[in-house]
Amino acid sequence: MLVPPLERLARRQRVAAACRRLSLSQQAVTLCEQARPGQEAFLVTVLEAELAHRETQRRTRLLNRAGFPLLKTLDGYDRSGVHLPSTVTWADLETGAYLATARNLVLYGAVGTGNYAEPGVMRSRGRRPPSSGGHGFSDGT
């Protein structure tokens, strides 16, 4: 199969750009001169997949390093001891409909109600879980 020279040139430019971003030498571009078009296309795919993978890993690493709180859901939430305000229903909580009112929402219940204080989560963030006598916001000492 004959590939137009401009398409091969564009592939080589993509290989060169990927090599620069991956901190590789330009030897791969030189090797493309001897490669068949299919091999050249495969090399472009491999290098760009590696760039995408590194970008995903970088974002994940930075988000973990930032120490943002873990996302929580209402799955497994113990609702038995919680009293909602009369203007809010559980359906409002699950769908987020209460957000349209732009008011704070406070749920009242016994200490430890719900699932926020999972010891593994607290320890992974360098805090003591409330059950160990800490208030959950210590420096882990």
N, C-alpha and C. Protein backbone atom coordinates (compact mmCIF):
# COMPACT_ATOMS: atom_id res chain seq x y z
N MET A 1 0.84 -1.17 0.00
CA MET A 1 0.00 0.00 0.00
C MET A 1 0.90 1.24 0.00
N LEU A 2 0.63 2.12 -0.91
CA LEU A 2 1.44 3.33 -1.06
C LEU A 2 0.84 4.45 -0.21
N VAL A 3 1.67 5.02 0.65
CA VAL A 3 1.25 6.11 1.52
C VAL A 3 1.86 7.40 0.98
N PRO A 4 1.04 8.45 0.83
CA PRO A 4 1.56 9.72 0.31
C PRO A 4 2.72 10.24 1.16
N PRO A 5 3.72 10.82 0.50
CA PRO A 5 4.88 11.33 1.23
C PRO A 5 4.52 12.37 2.31
N LEU A 6 3.50 13.17 2.06
CA LEU A 6 3.12 14.17 3.06
C LEU A 6 2.58 13.51 4.34
N GLU A 7 1.87 12.40 4.18
CA GLU A 7 1.35 11.69 5.35
C GLU A 7 2.50 11.08 6.15
N ARG A 8 3.48 10.53 5.46
CA ARG A 8 4.64 9.96 6.16
C ARG A 8 5.43 11.06 6.87
N LEU A 9 5.55 12.20 6.22
CA LEU A 9 6.24 13.33 6.85
C LEU A 9 5.51 13.77 8.11
N ALA A 10 4.17 13.81 8.04
CA ALA A 10 3.37 14.20 9.21
C ALA A 10 3.57 13.19 10.35
N ARG A 11 3.62 11.90 10.01
CA ARG A 11 3.86 10.87 11.03
C ARG A 11 5.22 11.07 11.68
N ARG A 12 6.22 11.35 10.89
CA ARG A 12 7.57 11.54 11.43
C ARG A 12 7.62 12.77 12.34
N GLN A 13 6.88 13.79 11.98
CA GLN A 13 6.84 14.97 12.83
C GLN A 13 6.15 14.64 14.16
N ARG A 14 5.11 13.79 14.12
CA ARG A 14 4.45 13.37 15.35
C ARG A 14 5.39 12.52 16.19
N VAL A 15 6.18 11.65 15.55
CA VAL A 15 7.17 10.83 16.27
C VAL A 15 8.20 11.74 16.92
N ALA A 16 8.68 12.73 16.18
CA ALA A 16 9.69 13.65 16.71
C ALA A 16 9.15 14.42 17.92
N ALA A 17 7.91 14.89 17.80
CA ALA A 17 7.30 15.64 18.91
C ALA A 17 7.12 14.75 20.13
N ALA A 18 6.68 13.52 19.91
CA ALA A 18 6.49 12.59 21.03
C ALA A 18 7.83 12.25 21.68
N CYS A 19 8.86 12.06 20.88
CA CYS A 19 10.18 11.77 21.43
C CYS A 19 10.69 12.93 22.30
N ARG A 20 10.46 14.15 21.85
CA ARG A 20 10.88 15.31 22.65
C ARG A 20 10.14 15.33 23.98
N ARG A 21 8.81 15.09 23.95
CA ARG A 21 8.03 15.13 25.19
C ARG A 21 8.37 13.98 26.12
N LEU A 22 8.83 12.85 25.56
CA LEU A 22 9.20 11.69 26.37
C LEU A 22 10.67 11.70 26.75
N SER A 23 11.39 12.74 26.37
CA SER A 23 12.83 12.87 26.63
C SER A 23 13.61 11.72 26.00
N LEU A 24 13.27 11.39 24.78
CA LEU A 24 14.00 10.38 24.02
C LEU A 24 14.82 11.06 22.94
N SER A 25 15.82 10.36 22.43
CA SER A 25 16.59 10.90 21.31
C SER A 25 15.73 10.86 20.05
N GLN A 26 16.20 11.48 19.02
CA GLN A 26 15.48 11.51 17.75
C GLN A 26 15.83 10.30 16.88
N GLN A 27 16.43 9.28 17.48
CA GLN A 27 16.79 8.08 16.74
C GLN A 27 15.56 7.41 16.13
N ALA A 28 14.43 7.49 16.78
CA ALA A 28 13.20 6.87 16.25
C ALA A 28 12.80 7.51 14.93
N VAL A 29 13.03 8.82 14.79
CA VAL A 29 12.70 9.50 13.53
C VAL A 29 13.62 8.98 12.43
N THR A 30 14.88 8.78 12.74
CA THR A 30 15.83 8.24 11.77
C THR A 30 15.43 6.83 11.35
N LEU A 31 14.98 6.03 12.31
CA LEU A 31 14.56 4.67 12.00
C LEU A 31 13.31 4.64 11.14
N CYS A 32 12.49 5.68 11.21
CA CYS A 32 11.29 5.74 10.38
C CYS A 32 11.63 5.79 8.89
N GLU A 33 12.82 6.27 8.56
CA GLU A 33 13.24 6.32 7.16
C GLU A 33 13.30 4.91 6.56
N GLN A 34 13.67 3.93 7.39
CA GLN A 34 13.82 2.55 6.93
C GLN A 34 12.55 1.73 7.16
N ALA A 35 11.62 2.23 7.93
CA ALA A 35 10.44 1.47 8.32
C ALA A 35 9.37 1.49 7.23
N ARG A 36 8.54 0.46 7.26
CA ARG A 36 7.38 0.42 6.36
C ARG A 36 6.31 1.35 6.94
N PRO A 37 5.37 1.79 6.13
CA PRO A 37 4.34 2.71 6.62
C PRO A 37 3.55 2.16 7.81
N GLY A 38 3.28 0.85 7.81
CA GLY A 38 2.55 0.26 8.92
C GLY A 38 3.35 0.31 10.21
N GLN A 39 4.65 0.08 10.11
CA GLN A 39 5.51 0.15 11.28
C GLN A 39 5.58 1.57 11.82
N GLU A 40 5.65 2.50 10.89
CA GLU A 40 5.69 3.92 11.25
C GLU A 40 4.41 4.32 12.00
N ALA A 41 3.27 3.88 11.48
CA ALA A 41 1.98 4.19 12.10
C ALA A 41 1.90 3.56 13.49
N PHE A 42 2.41 2.33 13.62
CA PHE A 42 2.41 1.66 14.92
C PHE A 42 3.27 2.43 15.92
N LEU A 43 4.42 2.90 15.48
CA LEU A 43 5.30 3.65 16.37
C LEU A 43 4.62 4.93 16.86
N VAL A 44 3.92 5.61 15.97
CA VAL A 44 3.19 6.82 16.37
C VAL A 44 2.14 6.47 17.42
N THR A 45 1.43 5.36 17.21
CA THR A 45 0.40 4.93 18.16
C THR A 45 1.00 4.62 19.52
N VAL A 46 2.12 3.91 19.52
CA VAL A 46 2.77 3.53 20.79
C VAL A 46 3.24 4.77 21.54
N LEU A 47 3.92 5.67 20.86
CA LEU A 47 4.45 6.85 21.53
C LEU A 47 3.33 7.75 22.06
N GLU A 48 2.28 7.93 21.28
CA GLU A 48 1.18 8.78 21.73
C GLU A 48 0.39 8.12 22.86
N ALA A 49 0.29 6.79 22.83
CA ALA A 49 -0.36 6.09 23.94
C ALA A 49 0.45 6.25 25.23
N GLU A 50 1.77 6.20 25.11
CA GLU A 50 2.63 6.38 26.28
C GLU A 50 2.48 7.80 26.84
N LEU A 51 2.40 8.79 25.96
CA LEU A 51 2.19 10.17 26.41
C LEU A 51 0.86 10.30 27.15
N ALA A 52 -0.19 9.71 26.60
CA ALA A 52 -1.51 9.78 27.25
C ALA A 52 -1.48 9.08 28.61
N HIS A 53 -0.81 7.94 28.68
CA HIS A 53 -0.70 7.20 29.94
C HIS A 53 0.06 8.03 30.98
N ARG A 54 1.15 8.64 30.58
CA ARG A 54 1.92 9.46 31.53
C ARG A 54 1.11 10.65 32.01
N GLU A 55 0.32 11.24 31.13
CA GLU A 55 -0.51 12.38 31.52
C GLU A 55 -1.56 11.95 32.55
N THR A 56 -2.17 10.80 32.32
CA THR A 56 -3.15 10.28 33.26
C THR A 56 -2.50 9.99 34.61
N GLN A 57 -1.33 9.37 34.58
CA GLN A 57 -0.61 9.06 35.82
C GLN A 57 -0.20 10.34 36.54
N ARG A 58 0.22 11.34 35.79
CA ARG A 58 0.63 12.61 36.39
C ARG A 58 -0.54 13.28 37.10
N ARG A 59 -1.70 13.30 36.45
CA ARG A 59 -2.88 13.91 37.06
C ARG A 59 -3.29 13.16 38.33
N THR A 60 -3.27 11.85 38.26
CA THR A 60 -3.61 11.04 39.43
C THR A 60 -2.64 11.30 40.57
N ARG A 61 -1.35 11.34 40.25
CA ARG A 61 -0.33 11.58 41.27
C ARG A 61 -0.51 12.96 41.91
N LEU A 62 -0.77 13.98 41.09
CA LEU A 62 -0.93 15.33 41.63
C LEU A 62 -2.20 15.45 42.48
N LEU A 63 -3.28 14.79 42.06
CA LEU A 63 -4.50 14.83 42.87
C LEU A 63 -4.29 14.13 44.20
N ASN A 64 -3.58 13.01 44.18
CA ASN A 64 -3.30 12.31 45.44
C ASN A 64 -2.40 13.16 46.34
N ARG A 65 -1.41 13.80 45.76
CA ARG A 65 -0.49 14.63 46.53
C ARG A 65 -1.20 15.85 47.12
N ALA A 66 -2.23 16.35 46.43
CA ALA A 66 -2.95 17.52 46.91
C ALA A 66 -3.72 17.22 48.19
N GLY A 67 -4.07 15.95 48.41
CA GLY A 67 -4.74 15.57 49.65
C GLY A 67 -6.17 16.03 49.74
N PHE A 68 -6.86 16.12 48.61
CA PHE A 68 -8.26 16.49 48.64
C PHE A 68 -9.06 15.43 49.38
N PRO A 69 -10.14 15.80 50.00
CA PRO A 69 -10.98 14.80 50.67
C PRO A 69 -11.50 13.78 49.65
N LEU A 70 -11.71 12.57 50.13
CA LEU A 70 -12.25 11.54 49.26
C LEU A 70 -13.69 11.85 48.91
N LEU A 71 -14.08 11.50 47.70
CA LEU A 71 -15.47 11.68 47.31
C LEU A 71 -16.31 10.65 48.05
N LYS A 72 -17.41 11.10 48.53
CA LYS A 72 -18.30 10.23 49.27
C LYS A 72 -19.63 10.10 48.53
N THR A 73 -20.30 8.99 48.75
CA THR A 73 -21.64 8.78 48.21
C THR A 73 -22.56 8.45 49.37
N LEU A 74 -23.83 8.34 49.08
CA LEU A 74 -24.79 7.98 50.12
C LEU A 74 -24.95 6.46 50.24
N ASP A 75 -24.20 5.71 49.45
CA ASP A 75 -24.24 4.25 49.56
C ASP A 75 -23.73 3.83 50.92
N GLY A 76 -24.48 3.01 51.61
CA GLY A 76 -24.06 2.52 52.92
C GLY A 76 -24.23 3.52 54.05
N TYR A 77 -24.84 4.65 53.78
CA TYR A 77 -25.03 5.68 54.80
C TYR A 77 -26.14 5.26 55.75
N ASP A 78 -25.89 5.29 57.04
CA ASP A 78 -26.89 4.90 58.03
C ASP A 78 -27.84 6.06 58.26
N ARG A 79 -29.05 5.94 57.73
CA ARG A 79 -30.02 7.03 57.81
C ARG A 79 -30.92 6.92 59.04
N SER A 80 -30.77 5.85 59.79
CA SER A 80 -31.73 5.58 60.86
C SER A 80 -31.74 6.66 61.94
N GLY A 81 -30.60 7.24 62.27
CA GLY A 81 -30.56 8.21 63.35
C GLY A 81 -30.50 9.65 62.87
N VAL A 82 -30.70 9.89 61.60
CA VAL A 82 -30.56 11.24 61.06
C VAL A 82 -31.94 11.87 60.89
N HIS A 83 -32.05 13.11 61.32
CA HIS A 83 -33.30 13.86 61.18
C HIS A 83 -33.05 14.97 60.16
N LEU A 84 -33.81 14.94 59.08
CA LEU A 84 -33.67 15.97 58.04
C LEU A 84 -34.57 17.16 58.36
N PRO A 85 -34.18 18.34 57.89
CA PRO A 85 -35.09 19.48 58.01
C PRO A 85 -36.38 19.17 57.23
N SER A 86 -37.47 19.77 57.63
CA SER A 86 -38.77 19.46 57.01
C SER A 86 -38.81 19.86 55.54
N THR A 87 -37.94 20.74 55.13
CA THR A 87 -37.95 21.21 53.74
C THR A 87 -37.13 20.34 52.80
N VAL A 88 -36.45 19.31 53.33
CA VAL A 88 -35.57 18.47 52.51
C VAL A 88 -35.96 17.01 52.68
N THR A 89 -35.95 16.28 51.57
CA THR A 89 -36.22 14.84 51.61
C THR A 89 -34.95 14.09 51.22
N TRP A 90 -34.96 12.77 51.46
CA TRP A 90 -33.80 11.97 51.06
C TRP A 90 -33.63 12.00 49.55
N ALA A 91 -34.73 12.07 48.83
CA ALA A 91 -34.65 12.15 47.36
C ALA A 91 -33.93 13.45 46.95
N ASP A 92 -34.19 14.53 47.68
CA ASP A 92 -33.50 15.80 47.39
C ASP A 92 -31.99 15.64 47.59
N LEU A 93 -31.61 14.91 48.64
CA LEU A 93 -30.19 14.69 48.90
C LEU A 93 -29.56 13.85 47.79
N GLU A 94 -30.23 12.78 47.40
CA GLU A 94 -29.67 11.87 46.41
C GLU A 94 -29.53 12.51 45.04
N THR A 95 -30.46 13.38 44.68
CA THR A 95 -30.40 14.02 43.35
C THR A 95 -29.67 15.35 43.37
N GLY A 96 -29.44 15.90 44.57
CA GLY A 96 -28.78 17.20 44.66
C GLY A 96 -29.74 18.37 44.46
N ALA A 97 -31.03 18.11 44.53
CA ALA A 97 -32.02 19.16 44.30
C ALA A 97 -31.94 20.28 45.35
N TYR A 98 -31.48 19.96 46.55
CA TYR A 98 -31.38 20.97 47.60
C TYR A 98 -30.34 22.04 47.26
N LEU A 99 -29.46 21.77 46.32
CA LEU A 99 -28.42 22.74 45.96
C LEU A 99 -29.00 23.98 45.29
N ALA A 100 -30.14 23.84 44.65
CA ALA A 100 -30.76 24.97 43.96
C ALA A 100 -31.15 26.08 44.93
N THR A 101 -31.38 25.75 46.19
CA THR A 101 -31.77 26.76 47.17
C THR A 101 -30.57 27.55 47.68
N ALA A 102 -29.36 27.08 47.43
CA ALA A 102 -28.12 27.76 47.82
C ALA A 102 -28.06 28.03 49.32
N ARG A 103 -28.47 27.04 50.11
CA ARG A 103 -28.41 27.16 51.56
C ARG A 103 -27.55 26.04 52.10
N ASN A 104 -26.99 26.24 53.28
CA ASN A 104 -26.25 25.19 53.94
C ASN A 104 -27.21 24.12 54.42
N LEU A 105 -26.72 22.89 54.48
CA LEU A 105 -27.54 21.78 54.94
C LEU A 105 -26.82 21.10 56.09
N VAL A 106 -27.48 20.98 57.21
CA VAL A 106 -26.90 20.34 58.39
C VAL A 106 -27.79 19.15 58.73
N LEU A 107 -27.17 17.97 58.83
CA LEU A 107 -27.90 16.77 59.23
C LEU A 107 -27.61 16.53 60.71
N TYR A 108 -28.64 16.30 61.48
CA TYR A 108 -28.48 16.06 62.90
C TYR A 108 -28.61 14.58 63.19
N GLY A 109 -27.79 14.09 64.07
CA GLY A 109 -27.87 12.69 64.46
C GLY A 109 -26.84 12.41 65.54
N ALA A 110 -26.82 11.17 65.98
CA ALA A 110 -25.88 10.76 67.02
C ALA A 110 -24.45 10.82 66.49
N VAL A 111 -23.49 10.89 67.40
CA VAL A 111 -22.08 10.91 67.03
C VAL A 111 -21.75 9.63 66.28
N GLY A 112 -21.03 9.74 65.18
CA GLY A 112 -20.64 8.58 64.39
C GLY A 112 -21.68 8.16 63.38
N THR A 113 -22.77 8.90 63.26
CA THR A 113 -23.80 8.55 62.29
C THR A 113 -23.23 8.71 60.89
N GLY A 114 -23.57 7.80 60.03
CA GLY A 114 -23.10 7.88 58.66
C GLY A 114 -21.83 7.09 58.46
N ASN A 115 -21.06 7.45 57.44
CA ASN A 115 -19.87 6.66 57.13
C ASN A 115 -18.64 7.53 56.90
N TYR A 116 -18.62 8.75 57.41
CA TYR A 116 -17.49 9.62 57.11
C TYR A 116 -16.22 9.19 57.83
N ALA A 117 -16.35 8.56 58.99
CA ALA A 117 -15.19 8.31 59.84
C ALA A 117 -14.63 6.91 59.66
N GLU A 118 -14.53 6.44 58.45
CA GLU A 118 -13.96 5.12 58.23
C GLU A 118 -12.48 5.18 58.60
N PRO A 119 -12.02 4.34 59.54
CA PRO A 119 -10.65 4.43 60.02
C PRO A 119 -9.59 4.34 58.92
N GLY A 120 -9.79 3.49 57.93
CA GLY A 120 -8.80 3.38 56.85
C GLY A 120 -8.66 4.66 56.07
N VAL A 121 -9.77 5.35 55.84
CA VAL A 121 -9.74 6.61 55.11
C VAL A 121 -9.02 7.67 55.93
N MET A 122 -9.33 7.71 57.20
CA MET A 122 -8.71 8.73 58.05
C MET A 122 -7.20 8.50 58.15
N ARG A 123 -6.79 7.23 58.33
CA ARG A 123 -5.35 6.95 58.44
C ARG A 123 -4.62 7.25 57.14
N SER A 124 -5.28 7.00 56.00
CA SER A 124 -4.61 7.25 54.73
C SER A 124 -4.36 8.73 54.51
N ARG A 125 -5.09 9.57 55.22
CA ARG A 125 -4.92 11.02 55.12
C ARG A 125 -4.06 11.56 56.25
N GLY A 126 -3.47 10.66 57.09
CA GLY A 126 -2.59 11.10 58.15
C GLY A 126 -3.32 11.64 59.36
N ARG A 127 -4.58 11.22 59.55
CA ARG A 127 -5.36 11.69 60.69
C ARG A 127 -5.81 10.49 61.51
N ARG A 128 -6.04 10.74 62.77
CA ARG A 128 -6.57 9.67 63.62
C ARG A 128 -8.07 9.61 63.45
N PRO A 129 -8.62 8.41 63.38
CA PRO A 129 -10.08 8.31 63.32
C PRO A 129 -10.69 8.73 64.65
N PRO A 130 -11.89 9.29 64.64
CA PRO A 130 -12.52 9.74 65.88
C PRO A 130 -12.63 8.65 66.93
N SER A 131 -12.75 7.39 66.53
CA SER A 131 -12.91 6.30 67.49
C SER A 131 -11.66 6.09 68.33
N SER A 132 -10.51 6.62 67.90
CA SER A 132 -9.28 6.44 68.67
C SER A 132 -9.02 7.60 69.62
N GLY A 133 -10.04 8.43 69.84
CA GLY A 133 -9.90 9.52 70.77
C GLY A 133 -9.48 10.82 70.12
N GLY A 134 -9.14 10.78 68.86
CA GLY A 134 -8.74 12.00 68.17
C GLY A 134 -9.95 12.70 67.60
N HIS A 135 -9.78 13.90 67.17
CA HIS A 135 -10.88 14.66 66.59
C HIS A 135 -10.90 14.56 65.09
N GLY A 136 -9.98 13.79 64.49
CA GLY A 136 -10.01 13.58 63.05
C GLY A 136 -9.19 14.58 62.27
N PHE A 137 -8.60 15.57 62.93
CA PHE A 137 -7.84 16.57 62.19
C PHE A 137 -6.45 16.77 62.75
N SER A 138 -5.90 15.74 63.38
CA SER A 138 -4.57 15.88 63.95
C SER A 138 -3.52 15.69 62.86
N ASP A 139 -2.28 15.90 63.21
CA ASP A 139 -1.20 15.73 62.25
C ASP A 139 -0.73 14.28 62.20
N GLY A 140 -1.44 13.36 62.83
CA GLY A 140 -1.11 11.96 62.79
C GLY A 140 -0.15 11.51 63.87
N THR A 141 0.21 12.39 64.81
CA THR A 141 1.13 12.01 65.88
C THR A 141 0.38 11.58 67.11
